[in-house]
Amino acid sequence: RENLNKVGISTIVEEANMSEILSKNNWNYSYSYQASRSVMEVKKNNYPSLSYFIDIHRDSIGHQYSTVVINDKSYAKVMFVIGRDHNNWEANNRLADELNNLINTYYKGMSRGVIGKSGANVNGVYNQDISPNCILIEVGGVDNTIEEVNNTMIALADILKKYIKGE
């Protein structure tokens, strides 16, 4: 939020406790997207000016795969995940591709690319059906430092500014 606000992009960060929502509804972890969907729909209805929905996760990969050094600064790599089991997937995929291309232009090596998920035993939606401007970004892995992640979040704010404001 702070990095996006610094570059002039007003941001709402959802801070609801998903564990509490799961517990309250007697849901196990596999219902996490159902829990976050209810919160997301409320925000979309209460703030109709929201244009983009970004779901940020950490990947389970190790440091050697999740880190890159660019100009002597260490970054947590990112990967865009697009669910393909809904009608908005192509628009969401275009957004991810465009952001990925900007990353490759300005922060070469920081992105692990865009992957699509669909089919049996896969979520395939990730609540991305709520908007054609909805993406899931995996940032780093289990071994990345907070400094590496913060460097990446600053870089992502720069990329989003370039994309949204055309700068």
N, C-alpha and C. Protein backbone atom coordinates (compact mmCIF):
# COMPACT_ATOMS: atom_id res chain seq x y z
N ARG A 1 0.83 -1.19 0.00
CA ARG A 1 0.00 0.00 0.00
C ARG A 1 0.87 1.25 0.00
N GLU A 2 1.87 1.29 0.88
CA GLU A 2 2.71 2.47 0.99
C GLU A 2 3.44 2.76 -0.31
N ASN A 3 3.98 1.72 -0.95
CA ASN A 3 4.71 1.92 -2.19
C ASN A 3 3.80 2.40 -3.32
N LEU A 4 2.61 1.86 -3.39
CA LEU A 4 1.68 2.31 -4.43
C LEU A 4 1.20 3.73 -4.17
N ASN A 5 0.90 4.03 -2.92
CA ASN A 5 0.48 5.40 -2.59
C ASN A 5 1.59 6.40 -2.91
N LYS A 6 2.85 6.01 -2.67
CA LYS A 6 3.99 6.90 -2.96
C LYS A 6 4.07 7.26 -4.44
N VAL A 7 3.65 6.34 -5.31
CA VAL A 7 3.72 6.61 -6.74
C VAL A 7 2.39 7.12 -7.29
N GLY A 8 1.48 7.49 -6.38
CA GLY A 8 0.23 8.12 -6.80
C GLY A 8 -0.91 7.18 -7.15
N ILE A 9 -0.83 5.93 -6.71
CA ILE A 9 -1.91 4.98 -6.96
C ILE A 9 -2.62 4.70 -5.64
N SER A 10 -3.84 5.23 -5.52
CA SER A 10 -4.62 5.01 -4.30
C SER A 10 -4.91 3.52 -4.16
N THR A 11 -4.74 3.02 -2.95
CA THR A 11 -4.79 1.59 -2.72
C THR A 11 -5.57 1.23 -1.48
N ILE A 12 -6.32 0.16 -1.58
CA ILE A 12 -6.98 -0.43 -0.43
C ILE A 12 -6.35 -1.81 -0.23
N VAL A 13 -5.88 -2.08 0.97
CA VAL A 13 -5.34 -3.40 1.29
C VAL A 13 -6.32 -4.07 2.24
N GLU A 14 -6.77 -5.24 1.85
CA GLU A 14 -7.70 -5.98 2.70
C GLU A 14 -6.93 -6.59 3.86
N GLU A 15 -7.42 -6.35 5.05
CA GLU A 15 -6.73 -6.85 6.24
C GLU A 15 -7.58 -7.82 7.06
N ALA A 16 -8.65 -8.32 6.46
CA ALA A 16 -9.49 -9.28 7.17
C ALA A 16 -8.68 -10.53 7.50
N ASN A 17 -8.98 -11.12 8.61
CA ASN A 17 -8.30 -12.32 9.05
C ASN A 17 -9.01 -13.53 8.43
N MET A 18 -8.39 -14.10 7.41
CA MET A 18 -9.00 -15.23 6.70
C MET A 18 -9.18 -16.44 7.61
N SER A 19 -8.25 -16.64 8.54
CA SER A 19 -8.37 -17.77 9.47
C SER A 19 -9.63 -17.64 10.31
N GLU A 20 -9.93 -16.41 10.74
CA GLU A 20 -11.16 -16.18 11.51
C GLU A 20 -12.41 -16.44 10.68
N ILE A 21 -12.39 -16.01 9.42
CA ILE A 21 -13.55 -16.25 8.54
C ILE A 21 -13.73 -17.74 8.32
N LEU A 22 -12.64 -18.45 8.09
CA LEU A 22 -12.72 -19.90 7.92
C LEU A 22 -13.28 -20.56 9.17
N SER A 23 -12.77 -20.17 10.32
CA SER A 23 -13.22 -20.75 11.59
C SER A 23 -14.69 -20.45 11.86
N LYS A 24 -15.08 -19.20 11.66
CA LYS A 24 -16.46 -18.77 11.90
C LYS A 24 -17.45 -19.59 11.06
N ASN A 25 -17.04 -19.94 9.83
CA ASN A 25 -17.91 -20.70 8.93
C ASN A 25 -17.68 -22.21 9.00
N ASN A 26 -16.78 -22.61 9.92
CA ASN A 26 -16.45 -24.02 10.07
C ASN A 26 -15.91 -24.61 8.76
N TRP A 27 -15.08 -23.80 8.07
CA TRP A 27 -14.46 -24.21 6.82
C TRP A 27 -13.01 -24.58 7.06
N ASN A 28 -12.50 -25.54 6.30
CA ASN A 28 -11.07 -25.84 6.37
C ASN A 28 -10.33 -24.97 5.35
N TYR A 29 -9.02 -25.13 5.31
CA TYR A 29 -8.15 -24.29 4.48
C TYR A 29 -8.56 -24.28 3.00
N SER A 30 -9.11 -25.38 2.52
CA SER A 30 -9.47 -25.47 1.10
C SER A 30 -10.57 -24.48 0.72
N TYR A 31 -11.22 -23.87 1.69
CA TYR A 31 -12.26 -22.87 1.43
C TYR A 31 -11.71 -21.44 1.49
N SER A 32 -10.41 -21.28 1.48
CA SER A 32 -9.80 -19.95 1.61
C SER A 32 -10.27 -18.98 0.54
N TYR A 33 -10.38 -19.44 -0.69
CA TYR A 33 -10.84 -18.53 -1.75
C TYR A 33 -12.31 -18.18 -1.60
N GLN A 34 -13.10 -19.09 -1.05
CA GLN A 34 -14.50 -18.75 -0.77
C GLN A 34 -14.56 -17.68 0.31
N ALA A 35 -13.71 -17.80 1.32
CA ALA A 35 -13.66 -16.80 2.39
C ALA A 35 -13.21 -15.45 1.86
N SER A 36 -12.16 -15.43 1.06
CA SER A 36 -11.67 -14.15 0.54
C SER A 36 -12.62 -13.56 -0.50
N ARG A 37 -13.37 -14.41 -1.18
CA ARG A 37 -14.33 -13.93 -2.18
C ARG A 37 -15.39 -13.04 -1.53
N SER A 38 -15.89 -13.46 -0.38
CA SER A 38 -16.93 -12.67 0.29
C SER A 38 -16.41 -11.28 0.64
N VAL A 39 -15.17 -11.20 1.09
CA VAL A 39 -14.56 -9.93 1.44
C VAL A 39 -14.32 -9.09 0.19
N MET A 40 -13.86 -9.73 -0.85
CA MET A 40 -13.57 -9.06 -2.11
C MET A 40 -14.84 -8.47 -2.73
N GLU A 41 -15.92 -9.21 -2.70
CA GLU A 41 -17.18 -8.72 -3.26
C GLU A 41 -17.70 -7.51 -2.50
N VAL A 42 -17.55 -7.51 -1.18
CA VAL A 42 -17.97 -6.36 -0.38
C VAL A 42 -17.16 -5.13 -0.78
N LYS A 43 -15.84 -5.28 -0.91
CA LYS A 43 -14.98 -4.15 -1.30
C LYS A 43 -15.36 -3.65 -2.69
N LYS A 44 -15.59 -4.56 -3.61
CA LYS A 44 -15.95 -4.16 -4.98
C LYS A 44 -17.26 -3.37 -4.98
N ASN A 45 -18.22 -3.81 -4.18
CA ASN A 45 -19.51 -3.11 -4.11
C ASN A 45 -19.40 -1.77 -3.38
N ASN A 46 -18.60 -1.71 -2.32
CA ASN A 46 -18.46 -0.49 -1.53
C ASN A 46 -17.56 0.55 -2.18
N TYR A 47 -16.68 0.11 -3.05
CA TYR A 47 -15.73 1.00 -3.72
C TYR A 47 -15.79 0.75 -5.23
N PRO A 48 -16.83 1.23 -5.90
CA PRO A 48 -16.99 0.94 -7.33
C PRO A 48 -15.88 1.50 -8.21
N SER A 49 -15.07 2.41 -7.67
CA SER A 49 -13.97 2.96 -8.47
C SER A 49 -12.75 2.03 -8.51
N LEU A 50 -12.77 0.95 -7.74
CA LEU A 50 -11.64 0.01 -7.78
C LEU A 50 -11.48 -0.54 -9.19
N SER A 51 -10.27 -0.49 -9.69
CA SER A 51 -10.01 -0.93 -11.06
C SER A 51 -9.23 -2.24 -11.13
N TYR A 52 -8.38 -2.49 -10.14
CA TYR A 52 -7.51 -3.66 -10.16
C TYR A 52 -7.61 -4.39 -8.83
N PHE A 53 -7.52 -5.72 -8.93
CA PHE A 53 -7.53 -6.57 -7.75
C PHE A 53 -6.29 -7.45 -7.82
N ILE A 54 -5.41 -7.29 -6.84
CA ILE A 54 -4.14 -8.01 -6.85
C ILE A 54 -4.06 -8.86 -5.58
N ASP A 55 -3.93 -10.15 -5.78
CA ASP A 55 -3.82 -11.11 -4.70
C ASP A 55 -2.34 -11.49 -4.61
N ILE A 56 -1.71 -11.21 -3.48
CA ILE A 56 -0.27 -11.45 -3.33
C ILE A 56 -0.04 -12.65 -2.41
N HIS A 57 0.78 -13.57 -2.89
CA HIS A 57 1.13 -14.78 -2.15
C HIS A 57 2.64 -14.92 -2.09
N ARG A 58 3.08 -15.86 -1.31
CA ARG A 58 4.48 -16.28 -1.29
C ARG A 58 4.51 -17.70 -1.83
N ASP A 59 5.48 -18.02 -2.66
CA ASP A 59 5.61 -19.36 -3.22
C ASP A 59 6.37 -20.25 -2.23
N SER A 60 6.36 -21.54 -2.49
CA SER A 60 7.03 -22.48 -1.59
C SER A 60 8.43 -22.86 -2.09
N ILE A 61 8.89 -22.21 -3.14
CA ILE A 61 10.20 -22.57 -3.70
C ILE A 61 11.35 -22.01 -2.85
N GLY A 62 12.52 -22.60 -3.04
CA GLY A 62 13.71 -22.19 -2.29
C GLY A 62 14.39 -20.95 -2.85
N HIS A 63 15.32 -20.43 -2.08
CA HIS A 63 16.02 -19.17 -2.37
C HIS A 63 16.71 -19.16 -3.74
N GLN A 64 17.31 -20.26 -4.13
CA GLN A 64 18.04 -20.28 -5.41
C GLN A 64 17.12 -20.05 -6.60
N TYR A 65 15.82 -20.37 -6.47
CA TYR A 65 14.87 -20.18 -7.55
C TYR A 65 14.04 -18.90 -7.40
N SER A 66 14.04 -18.34 -6.21
CA SER A 66 13.14 -17.22 -5.92
C SER A 66 13.84 -15.88 -5.80
N THR A 67 15.13 -15.83 -6.14
CA THR A 67 15.90 -14.60 -5.92
C THR A 67 16.70 -14.24 -7.15
N VAL A 68 16.81 -12.94 -7.40
CA VAL A 68 17.64 -12.45 -8.49
C VAL A 68 18.35 -11.19 -8.01
N VAL A 69 19.57 -10.98 -8.48
CA VAL A 69 20.32 -9.76 -8.17
C VAL A 69 20.34 -8.91 -9.44
N ILE A 70 19.86 -7.68 -9.30
CA ILE A 70 19.84 -6.73 -10.40
C ILE A 70 20.54 -5.47 -9.92
N ASN A 71 21.59 -5.07 -10.63
CA ASN A 71 22.37 -3.88 -10.24
C ASN A 71 22.77 -3.92 -8.77
N ASP A 72 23.30 -5.04 -8.34
CA ASP A 72 23.80 -5.24 -6.98
C ASP A 72 22.71 -5.18 -5.89
N LYS A 73 21.45 -5.32 -6.29
CA LYS A 73 20.36 -5.33 -5.32
C LYS A 73 19.61 -6.66 -5.48
N SER A 74 19.31 -7.30 -4.35
CA SER A 74 18.65 -8.59 -4.36
C SER A 74 17.13 -8.43 -4.30
N TYR A 75 16.45 -9.13 -5.20
CA TYR A 75 14.99 -9.08 -5.30
C TYR A 75 14.39 -10.48 -5.16
N ALA A 76 13.20 -10.54 -4.60
CA ALA A 76 12.41 -11.77 -4.63
C ALA A 76 11.75 -11.83 -6.00
N LYS A 77 11.88 -12.93 -6.69
CA LYS A 77 11.26 -13.07 -8.01
C LYS A 77 9.74 -13.14 -7.89
N VAL A 78 9.07 -12.75 -8.96
CA VAL A 78 7.61 -12.82 -8.99
C VAL A 78 7.17 -13.80 -10.08
N MET A 79 5.96 -14.30 -9.90
CA MET A 79 5.32 -15.12 -10.93
C MET A 79 3.83 -14.79 -10.91
N PHE A 80 3.26 -14.64 -12.07
CA PHE A 80 1.83 -14.36 -12.20
C PHE A 80 1.09 -15.66 -12.42
N VAL A 81 0.03 -15.87 -11.65
CA VAL A 81 -0.78 -17.08 -11.76
C VAL A 81 -2.18 -16.66 -12.21
N ILE A 82 -2.63 -17.24 -13.32
CA ILE A 82 -3.94 -16.92 -13.86
C ILE A 82 -4.79 -18.18 -13.90
N GLY A 83 -5.94 -18.12 -13.24
CA GLY A 83 -6.90 -19.21 -13.32
C GLY A 83 -7.61 -19.14 -14.65
N ARG A 84 -7.76 -20.29 -15.30
CA ARG A 84 -8.36 -20.31 -16.65
C ARG A 84 -9.74 -20.95 -16.68
N ASP A 85 -10.31 -21.19 -15.51
CA ASP A 85 -11.62 -21.84 -15.48
C ASP A 85 -12.74 -20.82 -15.23
N HIS A 86 -12.70 -19.71 -15.96
CA HIS A 86 -13.75 -18.69 -15.85
C HIS A 86 -13.68 -17.78 -17.09
N ASN A 87 -14.69 -16.95 -17.27
CA ASN A 87 -14.80 -16.14 -18.49
C ASN A 87 -13.83 -14.98 -18.59
N ASN A 88 -13.30 -14.48 -17.47
CA ASN A 88 -12.37 -13.33 -17.51
C ASN A 88 -10.93 -13.73 -17.73
N TRP A 89 -10.64 -15.00 -17.86
CA TRP A 89 -9.24 -15.43 -17.81
C TRP A 89 -8.38 -14.79 -18.89
N GLU A 90 -8.93 -14.59 -20.10
CA GLU A 90 -8.10 -14.02 -21.17
C GLU A 90 -7.73 -12.57 -20.87
N ALA A 91 -8.67 -11.79 -20.34
CA ALA A 91 -8.37 -10.40 -19.97
C ALA A 91 -7.35 -10.36 -18.83
N ASN A 92 -7.54 -11.22 -17.84
CA ASN A 92 -6.59 -11.29 -16.72
C ASN A 92 -5.21 -11.71 -17.22
N ASN A 93 -5.18 -12.64 -18.16
CA ASN A 93 -3.91 -13.11 -18.71
C ASN A 93 -3.22 -11.99 -19.50
N ARG A 94 -3.99 -11.20 -20.25
CA ARG A 94 -3.39 -10.06 -20.97
C ARG A 94 -2.75 -9.07 -19.99
N LEU A 95 -3.46 -8.78 -18.90
CA LEU A 95 -2.92 -7.88 -17.88
C LEU A 95 -1.61 -8.44 -17.33
N ALA A 96 -1.61 -9.71 -16.96
CA ALA A 96 -0.40 -10.34 -16.42
C ALA A 96 0.73 -10.32 -17.45
N ASP A 97 0.41 -10.60 -18.71
CA ASP A 97 1.44 -10.58 -19.76
C ASP A 97 2.04 -9.18 -19.91
N GLU A 98 1.20 -8.16 -19.89
CA GLU A 98 1.69 -6.79 -20.04
C GLU A 98 2.57 -6.38 -18.85
N LEU A 99 2.15 -6.73 -17.65
CA LEU A 99 2.97 -6.43 -16.47
C LEU A 99 4.27 -7.22 -16.52
N ASN A 100 4.20 -8.47 -16.93
CA ASN A 100 5.38 -9.30 -17.05
C ASN A 100 6.36 -8.70 -18.06
N ASN A 101 5.85 -8.21 -19.18
CA ASN A 101 6.71 -7.58 -20.19
C ASN A 101 7.39 -6.32 -19.64
N LEU A 102 6.65 -5.53 -18.87
CA LEU A 102 7.26 -4.35 -18.26
C LEU A 102 8.35 -4.73 -17.26
N ILE A 103 8.10 -5.76 -16.47
CA ILE A 103 9.12 -6.24 -15.54
C ILE A 103 10.37 -6.66 -16.31
N ASN A 104 10.17 -7.40 -17.39
CA ASN A 104 11.31 -7.86 -18.18
C ASN A 104 12.07 -6.70 -18.81
N THR A 105 11.39 -5.59 -19.06
CA THR A 105 12.04 -4.41 -19.63
C THR A 105 12.85 -3.66 -18.58
N TYR A 106 12.27 -3.47 -17.40
CA TYR A 106 12.89 -2.61 -16.38
C TYR A 106 13.61 -3.36 -15.27
N TYR A 107 13.24 -4.63 -15.04
CA TYR A 107 13.85 -5.43 -13.97
C TYR A 107 14.12 -6.84 -14.50
N LYS A 108 14.94 -6.92 -15.52
CA LYS A 108 15.20 -8.18 -16.21
C LYS A 108 15.61 -9.28 -15.23
N GLY A 109 14.89 -10.39 -15.31
CA GLY A 109 15.18 -11.53 -14.47
C GLY A 109 14.34 -11.60 -13.20
N MET A 110 13.58 -10.55 -12.90
CA MET A 110 12.78 -10.55 -11.67
C MET A 110 11.51 -11.40 -11.80
N SER A 111 11.05 -11.61 -13.03
CA SER A 111 9.82 -12.38 -13.20
C SER A 111 10.12 -13.82 -13.62
N ARG A 112 9.35 -14.72 -13.05
CA ARG A 112 9.41 -16.13 -13.44
C ARG A 112 8.37 -16.44 -14.50
N GLY A 113 7.60 -15.39 -14.91
CA GLY A 113 6.65 -15.55 -16.00
C GLY A 113 5.20 -15.59 -15.55
N VAL A 114 4.36 -15.97 -16.50
CA VAL A 114 2.92 -16.08 -16.30
C VAL A 114 2.54 -17.54 -16.51
N ILE A 115 1.84 -18.11 -15.55
CA ILE A 115 1.37 -19.48 -15.74
C ILE A 115 -0.15 -19.51 -15.59
N GLY A 116 -0.77 -20.37 -16.37
CA GLY A 116 -2.22 -20.56 -16.28
C GLY A 116 -2.52 -21.85 -15.55
N LYS A 117 -3.59 -21.83 -14.78
CA LYS A 117 -4.00 -23.02 -14.03
C LYS A 117 -5.45 -23.34 -14.38
N SER A 118 -5.71 -24.60 -14.66
CA SER A 118 -7.07 -25.03 -14.94
C SER A 118 -7.17 -26.54 -14.79
N GLY A 119 -8.39 -27.01 -14.77
CA GLY A 119 -8.62 -28.45 -14.75
C GLY A 119 -8.88 -29.03 -13.38
N ALA A 120 -8.96 -30.34 -13.36
CA ALA A 120 -9.26 -31.08 -12.13
C ALA A 120 -8.16 -30.87 -11.09
N ASN A 121 -8.56 -30.82 -9.84
CA ASN A 121 -7.67 -30.69 -8.69
C ASN A 121 -6.89 -29.38 -8.67
N VAL A 122 -7.38 -28.37 -9.37
CA VAL A 122 -6.77 -27.04 -9.39
C VAL A 122 -7.89 -26.04 -9.15
N ASN A 123 -7.59 -24.95 -8.45
CA ASN A 123 -8.61 -23.94 -8.22
C ASN A 123 -9.15 -23.44 -9.55
N GLY A 124 -8.28 -22.94 -10.41
CA GLY A 124 -8.67 -22.52 -11.74
C GLY A 124 -9.46 -21.23 -11.83
N VAL A 125 -9.78 -20.61 -10.69
CA VAL A 125 -10.53 -19.35 -10.70
C VAL A 125 -9.81 -18.30 -9.87
N TYR A 126 -9.43 -18.62 -8.65
CA TYR A 126 -8.73 -17.71 -7.75
C TYR A 126 -9.46 -16.38 -7.58
N ASN A 127 -10.77 -16.41 -7.66
CA ASN A 127 -11.63 -15.21 -7.58
C ASN A 127 -11.37 -14.23 -8.71
N GLN A 128 -10.66 -14.63 -9.73
CA GLN A 128 -10.34 -13.74 -10.83
C GLN A 128 -11.53 -13.52 -11.77
N ASP A 129 -12.61 -14.25 -11.55
CA ASP A 129 -13.82 -14.02 -12.32
C ASP A 129 -14.55 -12.75 -11.88
N ILE A 130 -14.14 -12.18 -10.75
CA ILE A 130 -14.78 -10.97 -10.22
C ILE A 130 -14.48 -9.75 -11.08
N SER A 131 -13.33 -9.76 -11.76
CA SER A 131 -12.93 -8.59 -12.56
C SER A 131 -11.98 -9.02 -13.67
N PRO A 132 -12.04 -8.35 -14.82
CA PRO A 132 -11.06 -8.64 -15.87
C PRO A 132 -9.68 -8.06 -15.55
N ASN A 133 -9.55 -7.36 -14.43
CA ASN A 133 -8.27 -6.80 -13.98
C ASN A 133 -7.88 -7.41 -12.64
N CYS A 134 -7.86 -8.72 -12.61
CA CYS A 134 -7.59 -9.45 -11.38
C CYS A 134 -6.42 -10.40 -11.61
N ILE A 135 -5.40 -10.30 -10.75
CA ILE A 135 -4.24 -11.17 -10.90
C ILE A 135 -3.77 -11.68 -9.55
N LEU A 136 -3.10 -12.79 -9.59
CA LEU A 136 -2.45 -13.36 -8.42
C LEU A 136 -0.95 -13.30 -8.69
N ILE A 137 -0.21 -12.72 -7.75
CA ILE A 137 1.25 -12.62 -7.91
C ILE A 137 1.92 -13.38 -6.76
N GLU A 138 2.73 -14.36 -7.14
CA GLU A 138 3.57 -15.06 -6.17
C GLU A 138 4.83 -14.21 -6.03
N VAL A 139 5.15 -13.78 -4.82
CA VAL A 139 6.33 -12.95 -4.57
C VAL A 139 7.31 -13.74 -3.72
N GLY A 140 8.43 -14.10 -4.33
CA GLY A 140 9.47 -14.80 -3.60
C GLY A 140 9.07 -16.19 -3.16
N GLY A 141 9.84 -16.70 -2.23
CA GLY A 141 9.61 -18.03 -1.69
C GLY A 141 9.86 -18.05 -0.20
N VAL A 142 9.90 -19.23 0.35
CA VAL A 142 9.99 -19.40 1.80
C VAL A 142 11.28 -18.88 2.41
N ASP A 143 12.32 -18.72 1.60
CA ASP A 143 13.62 -18.30 2.14
C ASP A 143 13.98 -16.85 1.86
N ASN A 144 13.12 -16.11 1.17
CA ASN A 144 13.46 -14.72 0.87
C ASN A 144 13.42 -13.86 2.13
N THR A 145 14.32 -12.88 2.16
CA THR A 145 14.36 -11.95 3.29
C THR A 145 13.31 -10.86 3.09
N ILE A 146 12.98 -10.18 4.16
CA ILE A 146 12.03 -9.07 4.08
C ILE A 146 12.61 -7.96 3.18
N GLU A 147 13.92 -7.78 3.22
CA GLU A 147 14.55 -6.77 2.36
C GLU A 147 14.36 -7.11 0.88
N GLU A 148 14.53 -8.38 0.52
CA GLU A 148 14.34 -8.81 -0.87
C GLU A 148 12.89 -8.60 -1.30
N VAL A 149 11.97 -8.95 -0.42
CA VAL A 149 10.55 -8.77 -0.73
C VAL A 149 10.22 -7.28 -0.84
N ASN A 150 10.74 -6.47 0.08
CA ASN A 150 10.49 -5.03 0.02
C ASN A 150 11.05 -4.43 -1.27
N ASN A 151 12.24 -4.84 -1.69
CA ASN A 151 12.80 -4.37 -2.95
C ASN A 151 11.86 -4.70 -4.11
N THR A 152 11.31 -5.89 -4.07
CA THR A 152 10.38 -6.31 -5.12
C THR A 152 9.09 -5.51 -5.08
N MET A 153 8.58 -5.23 -3.89
CA MET A 153 7.34 -4.47 -3.79
C MET A 153 7.53 -3.04 -4.31
N ILE A 154 8.70 -2.46 -4.08
CA ILE A 154 9.00 -1.13 -4.64
C ILE A 154 9.04 -1.21 -6.17
N ALA A 155 9.68 -2.27 -6.68
CA ALA A 155 9.75 -2.46 -8.13
C ALA A 155 8.36 -2.69 -8.72
N LEU A 156 7.52 -3.48 -8.04
CA LEU A 156 6.15 -3.72 -8.54
C LEU A 156 5.33 -2.43 -8.56
N ALA A 157 5.50 -1.61 -7.55
CA ALA A 157 4.80 -0.31 -7.54
C ALA A 157 5.23 0.52 -8.75
N ASP A 158 6.52 0.50 -9.06
CA ASP A 158 7.04 1.22 -10.23
C ASP A 158 6.42 0.66 -11.51
N ILE A 159 6.34 -0.64 -11.63
CA ILE A 159 5.77 -1.28 -12.81
C ILE A 159 4.29 -0.96 -12.93
N LEU A 160 3.56 -1.03 -11.82
CA LEU A 160 2.13 -0.73 -11.86
C LEU A 160 1.89 0.74 -12.23
N LYS A 161 2.74 1.62 -11.76
CA LYS A 161 2.64 3.03 -12.13
C LYS A 161 2.85 3.19 -13.62
N LYS A 162 3.87 2.55 -14.17
CA LYS A 162 4.13 2.62 -15.60
C LYS A 162 2.93 2.10 -16.39
N TYR A 163 2.35 1.01 -15.92
CA TYR A 163 1.22 0.40 -16.62
C TYR A 163 -0.05 1.25 -16.50
N ILE A 164 -0.42 1.59 -15.28
CA ILE A 164 -1.68 2.29 -15.05
C ILE A 164 -1.65 3.74 -15.53
N LYS A 165 -0.55 4.41 -15.27
CA LYS A 165 -0.46 5.83 -15.63
C LYS A 165 0.23 6.07 -16.97
N GLY A 166 0.72 5.00 -17.58
CA GLY A 166 1.37 5.12 -18.87
C GLY A 166 2.68 5.89 -18.82
N GLU A 167 3.36 5.85 -17.68
CA GLU A 167 4.62 6.60 -17.53
C GLU A 167 5.83 5.73 -17.75
